[in-house]
Amino acid sequence: MIGSNWQRVTPRSTRLCVALMVIVLLGRLGSAVAQVPRDTKSERGKTPLEEVVVTAQRHLTDEQVTEQVERALGDDPYIYAEHVTVTTSKGVVTCEGIVGDAAELRRVLRICRRASGSKRVVSELEINDSIPEGG
């Protein structure tokens, strides 16, 4: 048609129209949610509040933290726990010993950090990177 104002519909223009329709619908939905009536200050004072009881979790002793970390290291099949010594002082867990590679070192430190009662972790671990003879 000559002189026609119609444009050709492309997939890009169709996606644009759909995106605009979704934005408009979400805008309408958001404004409907925002119009929920709220309590006035005078109504809030009349309703009694529920009693809230807050209890604190007991703190673990250093010995308990050390036992927990040692148990977790012993349960991990990828860690040779006999070569790692764990001590705890005021929530600071210190790991000493020898590990086989960097992955084992990271795994030991992750277990120490995840232990409840552990505030900080100090690593004094060494990686045994020596190649055995005949290997």
C-alpha atoms as a PDB file:
ATOM      1  CA  MET A   1       0.000   0.000   0.000  1.00  0.00           C
ATOM      2  CA  ILE A   2       1.341   3.354  -0.916  1.00  0.00           C
ATOM      3  CA  GLY A   3       1.147   6.053   1.760  1.00  0.00           C
ATOM      4  CA  SER A   4       0.249   3.609   4.503  1.00  0.00           C
ATOM      5  CA  ASN A   5       1.277   4.441   8.082  1.00  0.00           C
ATOM      6  CA  TRP A   6       1.409   0.794   9.203  1.00  0.00           C
ATOM      7  CA  GLN A   7       4.752  -0.528  10.294  1.00  0.00           C
ATOM      8  CA  ARG A   8       5.961  -4.047  10.024  1.00  0.00           C
ATOM      9  CA  VAL A   9       5.682  -6.092  13.294  1.00  0.00           C
ATOM     10  CA  THR A  10       8.984  -7.654  14.300  1.00  0.00           C
ATOM     11  CA  PRO A  11       9.730 -10.074  17.135  1.00  0.00           C
ATOM     12  CA  ARG A  12      11.643  -7.295  18.884  1.00  0.00           C
ATOM     13  CA  SER A  13       8.683  -4.933  18.856  1.00  0.00           C
ATOM     14  CA  THR A  14       6.407  -7.736  20.081  1.00  0.00           C
ATOM     15  CA  ARG A  15       8.715  -8.434  23.040  1.00  0.00           C
ATOM     16  CA  LEU A  16       8.812  -4.726  23.806  1.00  0.00           C
ATOM     17  CA  CYS A  17       5.000  -4.522  23.872  1.00  0.00           C
ATOM     18  CA  VAL A  18       4.747  -7.566  26.140  1.00  0.00           C
ATOM     19  CA  ALA A  19       7.373  -6.138  28.497  1.00  0.00           C
ATOM     20  CA  LEU A  20       5.518  -2.822  28.699  1.00  0.00           C
ATOM     21  CA  MET A  21       2.238  -4.600  29.437  1.00  0.00           C
ATOM     22  CA  VAL A  22       3.874  -6.585  32.248  1.00  0.00           C
ATOM     23  CA  ILE A  23       5.326  -3.400  33.753  1.00  0.00           C
ATOM     24  CA  VAL A  24       1.932  -1.677  33.659  1.00  0.00           C
ATOM     25  CA  LEU A  25       0.203  -4.678  35.268  1.00  0.00           C
ATOM     26  CA  LEU A  26       2.824  -4.912  38.016  1.00  0.00           C
ATOM     27  CA  GLY A  27       2.453  -1.188  38.649  1.00  0.00           C
ATOM     28  CA  ARG A  28      -1.297  -1.612  39.045  1.00  0.00           C
ATOM     29  CA  LEU A  29      -0.831  -4.539  41.398  1.00  0.00           C
ATOM     30  CA  GLY A  30       1.687  -2.596  43.489  1.00  0.00           C
ATOM     31  CA  SER A  31      -0.634   0.388  43.867  1.00  0.00           C
ATOM     32  CA  ALA A  32      -3.491  -1.921  44.933  1.00  0.00           C
ATOM     33  CA  VAL A  33      -1.316  -3.481  47.630  1.00  0.00           C
ATOM     34  CA  ALA A  34      -0.137  -0.070  48.828  1.00  0.00           C
ATOM     35  CA  GLN A  35      -3.732   1.019  49.550  1.00  0.00           C
ATOM     36  CA  VAL A  36      -4.237  -1.360  52.493  1.00  0.00           C
ATOM     37  CA  PRO A  37      -5.618   0.638  55.444  1.00  0.00           C
ATOM     38  CA  ARG A  38      -3.310   0.995  58.422  1.00  0.00           C
ATOM     39  CA  ASP A  39      -4.027   1.248  62.116  1.00  0.00           C
ATOM     40  CA  THR A  40      -4.140   4.713  63.548  1.00  0.00           C
ATOM     41  CA  LYS A  41      -2.185   5.642  66.654  1.00  0.00           C
ATOM     42  CA  SER A  42      -5.302   5.596  68.801  1.00  0.00           C
ATOM     43  CA  GLU A  43      -6.207   2.044  67.732  1.00  0.00           C
ATOM     44  CA  ARG A  44      -2.702   0.757  68.433  1.00  0.00           C
ATOM     45  CA  GLY A  45      -2.836   1.854  72.068  1.00  0.00           C
ATOM     46  CA  LYS A  46      -6.050  -0.080  72.746  1.00  0.00           C
ATOM     47  CA  THR A  47      -4.856  -3.536  71.715  1.00  0.00           C
ATOM     48  CA  PRO A  48      -2.767  -5.387  74.314  1.00  0.00           C
ATOM     49  CA  LEU A  49       0.664  -6.525  73.199  1.00  0.00           C
ATOM     50  CA  GLU A  50       1.850 -10.096  73.530  1.00  0.00           C
ATOM     51  CA  GLU A  51       4.553 -10.806  76.044  1.00  0.00           C
ATOM     52  CA  VAL A  52       7.903 -11.499  74.379  1.00  0.00           C
ATOM     53  CA  VAL A  53      10.408 -13.697  76.181  1.00  0.00           C
ATOM     54  CA  VAL A  54      13.995 -13.574  74.983  1.00  0.00           C
ATOM     55  CA  THR A  55      16.353 -16.304  76.071  1.00  0.00           C
ATOM     56  CA  ALA A  56      20.071 -16.245  75.478  1.00  0.00           C
ATOM     57  CA  GLN A  57      21.920 -19.268  74.275  1.00  0.00           C
ATOM     58  CA  ARG A  58      24.458 -20.480  76.777  1.00  0.00           C
ATOM     59  CA  HIS A  59      28.081 -19.980  75.899  1.00  0.00           C
ATOM     60  CA  LEU A  60      30.208 -23.041  75.390  1.00  0.00           C
ATOM     61  CA  THR A  61      33.380 -23.473  77.371  1.00  0.00           C
ATOM     62  CA  ASP A  62      36.693 -23.619  75.546  1.00  0.00           C
ATOM     63  CA  GLU A  63      36.926 -27.357  76.196  1.00  0.00           C
ATOM     64  CA  GLN A  64      33.490 -27.931  74.669  1.00  0.00           C
ATOM     65  CA  VAL A  65      34.421 -25.934  71.554  1.00  0.00           C
ATOM     66  CA  THR A  66      37.665 -27.909  71.207  1.00  0.00           C
ATOM     67  CA  GLU A  67      35.816 -31.230  71.559  1.00  0.00           C
ATOM     68  CA  GLN A  68      33.215 -30.144  69.012  1.00  0.00           C
ATOM     69  CA  VAL A  69      35.882 -29.151  66.452  1.00  0.00           C
ATOM     70  CA  GLU A  70      37.925 -32.320  67.032  1.00  0.00           C
ATOM     71  CA  ARG A  71      34.804 -34.469  66.603  1.00  0.00           C
ATOM     72  CA  ALA A  72      33.893 -32.676  63.357  1.00  0.00           C
ATOM     73  CA  LEU A  73      37.442 -33.048  62.015  1.00  0.00           C
ATOM     74  CA  GLY A  74      37.444 -36.748  62.897  1.00  0.00           C
ATOM     75  CA  ASP A  75      34.084 -37.282  61.163  1.00  0.00           C
ATOM     76  CA  ASP A  76      35.248 -35.673  57.919  1.00  0.00           C
ATOM     77  CA  PRO A  77      36.517 -38.375  55.530  1.00  0.00           C
ATOM     78  CA  TYR A  78      38.764 -35.931  53.632  1.00  0.00           C
ATOM     79  CA  ILE A  79      40.772 -34.777  56.655  1.00  0.00           C
ATOM     80  CA  TYR A  80      43.514 -36.756  58.372  1.00  0.00           C
ATOM     81  CA  ALA A  81      42.671 -35.424  61.825  1.00  0.00           C
ATOM     82  CA  GLU A  82      45.537 -37.163  63.633  1.00  0.00           C
ATOM     83  CA  HIS A  83      47.949 -34.571  62.230  1.00  0.00           C
ATOM     84  CA  VAL A  84      45.893 -31.560  63.388  1.00  0.00           C
ATOM     85  CA  THR A  85      45.896 -30.248  66.963  1.00  0.00           C
ATOM     86  CA  VAL A  86      43.083 -27.938  68.073  1.00  0.00           C
ATOM     87  CA  THR A  87      43.177 -25.634  71.092  1.00  0.00           C
ATOM     88  CA  THR A  88      40.682 -22.977  72.182  1.00  0.00           C
ATOM     89  CA  SER A  89      41.258 -19.944  74.383  1.00  0.00           C
ATOM     90  CA  LYS A  90      38.447 -17.434  75.049  1.00  0.00           C
ATOM     91  CA  GLY A  91      36.605 -18.591  71.913  1.00  0.00           C
ATOM     92  CA  VAL A  92      39.666 -18.301  69.646  1.00  0.00           C
ATOM     93  CA  VAL A  93      40.302 -21.659  67.977  1.00  0.00           C
ATOM     94  CA  THR A  94      43.930 -22.363  67.038  1.00  0.00           C
ATOM     95  CA  CYS A  95      44.779 -25.141  64.568  1.00  0.00           C
ATOM     96  CA  GLU A  96      48.301 -26.508  64.457  1.00  0.00           C
ATOM     97  CA  GLY A  97      49.769 -29.348  62.454  1.00  0.00           C
ATOM     98  CA  ILE A  98      50.319 -30.637  58.950  1.00  0.00           C
ATOM     99  CA  VAL A  99      47.791 -31.028  56.127  1.00  0.00           C
ATOM    100  CA  GLY A 100      48.228 -32.689  52.761  1.00  0.00           C
ATOM    101  CA  ASP A 101      47.197 -29.859  50.448  1.00  0.00           C
ATOM    102  CA  ALA A 102      45.500 -26.456  50.254  1.00  0.00           C
ATOM    103  CA  ALA A 103      42.033 -27.993  49.920  1.00  0.00           C
ATOM    104  CA  GLU A 104      42.450 -29.884  53.182  1.00  0.00           C
ATOM    105  CA  LEU A 105      43.708 -26.706  54.867  1.00  0.00           C
ATOM    106  CA  ARG A 106      40.616 -24.763  53.722  1.00  0.00           C
ATOM    107  CA  ARG A 107      38.366 -27.607  54.830  1.00  0.00           C
ATOM    108  CA  VAL A 108      39.899 -27.670  58.333  1.00  0.00           C
ATOM    109  CA  LEU A 109      39.528 -23.899  58.684  1.00  0.00           C
ATOM    110  CA  ARG A 110      35.921 -24.000  57.457  1.00  0.00           C
ATOM    111  CA  ILE A 111      35.028 -26.641  60.050  1.00  0.00           C
ATOM    112  CA  CYS A 112      36.684 -24.566  62.786  1.00  0.00           C
ATOM    113  CA  ARG A 113      34.786 -21.424  61.747  1.00  0.00           C
ATOM    114  CA  ARG A 114      31.434 -23.229  61.694  1.00  0.00           C
ATOM    115  CA  ALA A 115      31.760 -24.599  65.212  1.00  0.00           C
ATOM    116  CA  SER A 116      29.385 -22.906  67.622  1.00  0.00           C
ATOM    117  CA  GLY A 117      31.278 -20.938  70.212  1.00  0.00           C
ATOM    118  CA  SER A 118      34.137 -20.223  67.810  1.00  0.00           C
ATOM    119  CA  LYS A 119      34.763 -16.480  67.634  1.00  0.00           C
ATOM    120  CA  ARG A 120      37.990 -16.502  65.599  1.00  0.00           C
ATOM    121  CA  VAL A 121      40.225 -19.087  63.976  1.00  0.00           C
ATOM    122  CA  VAL A 122      44.014 -18.893  63.968  1.00  0.00           C
ATOM    123  CA  SER A 123      45.765 -21.140  61.471  1.00  0.00           C
ATOM    124  CA  GLU A 124      49.216 -22.449  62.213  1.00  0.00           C
ATOM    125  CA  LEU A 125      48.822 -25.289  59.734  1.00  0.00           C
ATOM    126  CA  GLU A 126      51.546 -26.247  57.298  1.00  0.00           C
ATOM    127  CA  ILE A 127      51.035 -27.860  53.923  1.00  0.00           C
ATOM    128  CA  ASN A 128      53.191 -30.948  53.389  1.00  0.00           C
ATOM    129  CA  ASP A 129      54.136 -30.469  49.749  1.00  0.00           C
ATOM    130  CA  SER A 130      57.077 -32.848  49.671  1.00  0.00           C
ATOM    131  CA  ILE A 131      56.964 -35.526  46.991  1.00  0.00           C
ATOM    132  CA  PRO A 132      57.490 -39.022  48.421  1.00  0.00           C
ATOM    133  CA  GLU A 133      60.479 -41.016  47.180  1.00  0.00           C
ATOM    134  CA  GLY A 134      59.804 -43.515  44.401  1.00  0.00           C
ATOM    135  CA  GLY A 135      56.439 -41.917  43.505  1.00  0.00           C
END
